[in-house]
C-alpha atoms as a PDB file:
ATOM      1  CA  MET A   1       0.000   0.000   0.000  1.00  0.00           C
ATOM      2  CA  MET A   2       1.300   3.467  -0.872  1.00  0.00           C
ATOM      3  CA  HIS A   3       1.474   6.228   1.693  1.00  0.00           C
ATOM      4  CA  TYR A   4       1.530   9.951   1.001  1.00  0.00           C
ATOM      5  CA  THR A   5       2.500  12.750   3.316  1.00  0.00           C
ATOM      6  CA  ILE A   6       1.377  16.358   3.152  1.00  0.00           C
ATOM      7  CA  GLU A   7       2.692  19.186   5.250  1.00  0.00           C
ATOM      8  CA  LEU A   8       0.490  21.870   6.756  1.00  0.00           C
ATOM      9  CA  PRO A   9       1.532  24.664   9.070  1.00  0.00           C
ATOM     10  CA  ASP A  10       0.421  23.741  12.592  1.00  0.00           C
ATOM     11  CA  LYS A  11      -2.012  26.641  12.911  1.00  0.00           C
ATOM     12  CA  TYR A  12      -3.920  25.458   9.825  1.00  0.00           C
ATOM     13  CA  ALA A  13      -3.791  21.808  10.799  1.00  0.00           C
ATOM     14  CA  VAL A  14      -5.320  22.660  14.186  1.00  0.00           C
ATOM     15  CA  HIS A  15      -7.985  24.793  12.518  1.00  0.00           C
ATOM     16  CA  LEU A  16      -8.888  22.037  10.047  1.00  0.00           C
ATOM     17  CA  GLN A  17      -8.944  19.425  12.773  1.00  0.00           C
ATOM     18  CA  LYS A  18     -11.657  21.417  14.549  1.00  0.00           C
ATOM     19  CA  HIS A  19     -13.855  20.844  11.488  1.00  0.00           C
ATOM     20  CA  TRP A  20     -12.702  17.345  10.574  1.00  0.00           C
ATOM     21  CA  SER A  21     -11.499  15.283  13.498  1.00  0.00           C
ATOM     22  CA  ASP A  22     -10.083  12.669  11.123  1.00  0.00           C
ATOM     23  CA  ILE A  23      -8.330  14.822   8.527  1.00  0.00           C
ATOM     24  CA  GLU A  24      -6.619  11.865   6.852  1.00  0.00           C
ATOM     25  CA  ARG A  25      -9.927  10.065   6.251  1.00  0.00           C
ATOM     26  CA  HIS A  26     -11.539  13.270   5.020  1.00  0.00           C
ATOM     27  CA  LEU A  27      -8.714  13.890   2.543  1.00  0.00           C
ATOM     28  CA  LEU A  28      -8.795  10.286   1.343  1.00  0.00           C
ATOM     29  CA  GLU A  29     -12.550  10.442   0.785  1.00  0.00           C
ATOM     30  CA  ARG A  30     -12.286  13.730  -1.102  1.00  0.00           C
ATOM     31  CA  LEU A  31      -9.432  12.461  -3.288  1.00  0.00           C
ATOM     32  CA  VAL A  32     -11.149   9.186  -4.125  1.00  0.00           C
ATOM     33  CA  LEU A  33     -14.506  10.836  -4.811  1.00  0.00           C
ATOM     34  CA  GLU A  34     -12.863  13.454  -7.028  1.00  0.00           C
ATOM     35  CA  ALA A  35     -11.337  10.617  -9.054  1.00  0.00           C
ATOM     36  CA  TYR A  36     -14.763   8.942  -9.137  1.00  0.00           C
ATOM     37  CA  ALA A  37     -16.425  12.137 -10.379  1.00  0.00           C
ATOM     38  CA  GLU A  38     -13.841  12.356 -13.166  1.00  0.00           C
ATOM     39  CA  ASP A  39     -14.403   8.687 -14.146  1.00  0.00           C
ATOM     40  CA  VAL A  40     -10.889   7.741 -13.051  1.00  0.00           C
ATOM     41  CA  LEU A  41     -12.276   5.234 -10.527  1.00  0.00           C
ATOM     42  CA  THR A  42     -15.351   3.005 -10.707  1.00  0.00           C
ATOM     43  CA  THR A  43     -17.956   2.482  -8.000  1.00  0.00           C
ATOM     44  CA  PRO A  44     -16.472  -0.911  -6.982  1.00  0.00           C
ATOM     45  CA  GLU A  45     -12.990   0.639  -6.802  1.00  0.00           C
ATOM     46  CA  VAL A  46     -14.237   3.458  -4.559  1.00  0.00           C
ATOM     47  CA  GLN A  47     -16.018   0.889  -2.422  1.00  0.00           C
ATOM     48  CA  GLU A  48     -12.821  -1.151  -2.051  1.00  0.00           C
ATOM     49  CA  ILE A  49     -10.484   1.778  -1.386  1.00  0.00           C
ATOM     50  CA  LEU A  50     -12.755   3.327   1.229  1.00  0.00           C
ATOM     51  CA  GLN A  51     -13.789  -0.078   2.609  1.00  0.00           C
ATOM     52  CA  LEU A  52     -17.479   0.629   2.175  1.00  0.00           C
ATOM     53  CA  PRO A  53     -20.017  -2.210   2.524  1.00  0.00           C
ATOM     54  CA  ASP A  54     -21.832  -1.673  -0.784  1.00  0.00           C
ATOM     55  CA  ARG A  55     -22.423   0.679  -3.720  1.00  0.00           C
ATOM     56  CA  PHE A  56     -25.191   2.445  -1.819  1.00  0.00           C
ATOM     57  CA  ALA A  57     -22.621   3.566   0.759  1.00  0.00           C
ATOM     58  CA  VAL A  58     -20.629   5.050  -2.136  1.00  0.00           C
ATOM     59  CA  TYR A  59     -23.725   6.948  -3.287  1.00  0.00           C
ATOM     60  CA  ASP A  60     -24.402   8.148   0.264  1.00  0.00           C
ATOM     61  CA  LEU A  61     -20.849   9.474   0.501  1.00  0.00           C
ATOM     62  CA  CYS A  62     -21.311  11.244  -2.837  1.00  0.00           C
ATOM     63  CA  ASP A  63     -24.441  12.866  -1.423  1.00  0.00           C
ATOM     64  CA  LYS A  64     -22.515  13.932   1.690  1.00  0.00           C
ATOM     65  CA  TYR A  65     -19.911  15.713  -0.437  1.00  0.00           C
ATOM     66  CA  LYS A  66     -22.460  16.919  -3.011  1.00  0.00           C
ATOM     67  CA  ILE A  67     -20.949  14.921  -5.864  1.00  0.00           C
ATOM     68  CA  ALA A  68     -23.447  14.134  -8.600  1.00  0.00           C
ATOM     69  CA  THR A  69     -23.720  10.480  -9.520  1.00  0.00           C
ATOM     70  CA  TYR A  70     -26.416  11.039 -12.145  1.00  0.00           C
ATOM     71  CA  THR A  71     -24.902  12.636 -15.223  1.00  0.00           C
ATOM     72  CA  LEU A  72     -26.348  14.381 -18.256  1.00  0.00           C
ATOM     73  CA  ALA A  73     -25.515  11.250 -20.243  1.00  0.00           C
ATOM     74  CA  ASP A  74     -27.622   9.246 -17.789  1.00  0.00           C
ATOM     75  CA  LEU A  75     -30.504  11.674 -18.274  1.00  0.00           C
ATOM     76  CA  GLN A  76     -30.270  11.465 -22.060  1.00  0.00           C
ATOM     77  CA  ARG A  77     -30.173   7.658 -21.936  1.00  0.00           C
ATOM     78  CA  ASP A  78     -33.247   7.641 -19.662  1.00  0.00           C
ATOM     79  CA  ARG A  79     -35.089  10.016 -22.004  1.00  0.00           C
ATOM     80  CA  GLU A  80     -34.335   7.798 -24.988  1.00  0.00           C
ATOM     81  CA  THR A  81     -35.492   4.719 -23.094  1.00  0.00           C
ATOM     82  CA  THR A  82     -38.701   6.436 -22.019  1.00  0.00           C
ATOM     83  CA  GLN A  83     -39.437   7.521 -25.602  1.00  0.00           C
ATOM     84  CA  ARG A  84     -38.649   4.059 -26.930  1.00  0.00           C
ATOM     85  CA  LEU A  85     -41.093   2.543 -24.431  1.00  0.00           C
ATOM     86  CA  GLY A  86     -43.762   5.014 -25.522  1.00  0.00           C
ATOM     87  CA  PHE A  87     -44.073   7.103 -22.379  1.00  0.00           C
END
């Protein structure tokens, strides 16, 4: 497993820790979900990296960080399906 280190001045680290008690987990979640939003990682990969129980936990985390999981392409595909089915 790879490990990364970032350096923050103490005064900022303390300030951030007041908002996020587990800064490392918060940063990992944000990094992984950013990669997910950019289609760099798949739902199962996010689930594995963050050790989440299922894909619904991935979607819940996306909701928490306000990351859209329903894209314009999804909408267009749903519209085409609806039209094809005659609705």
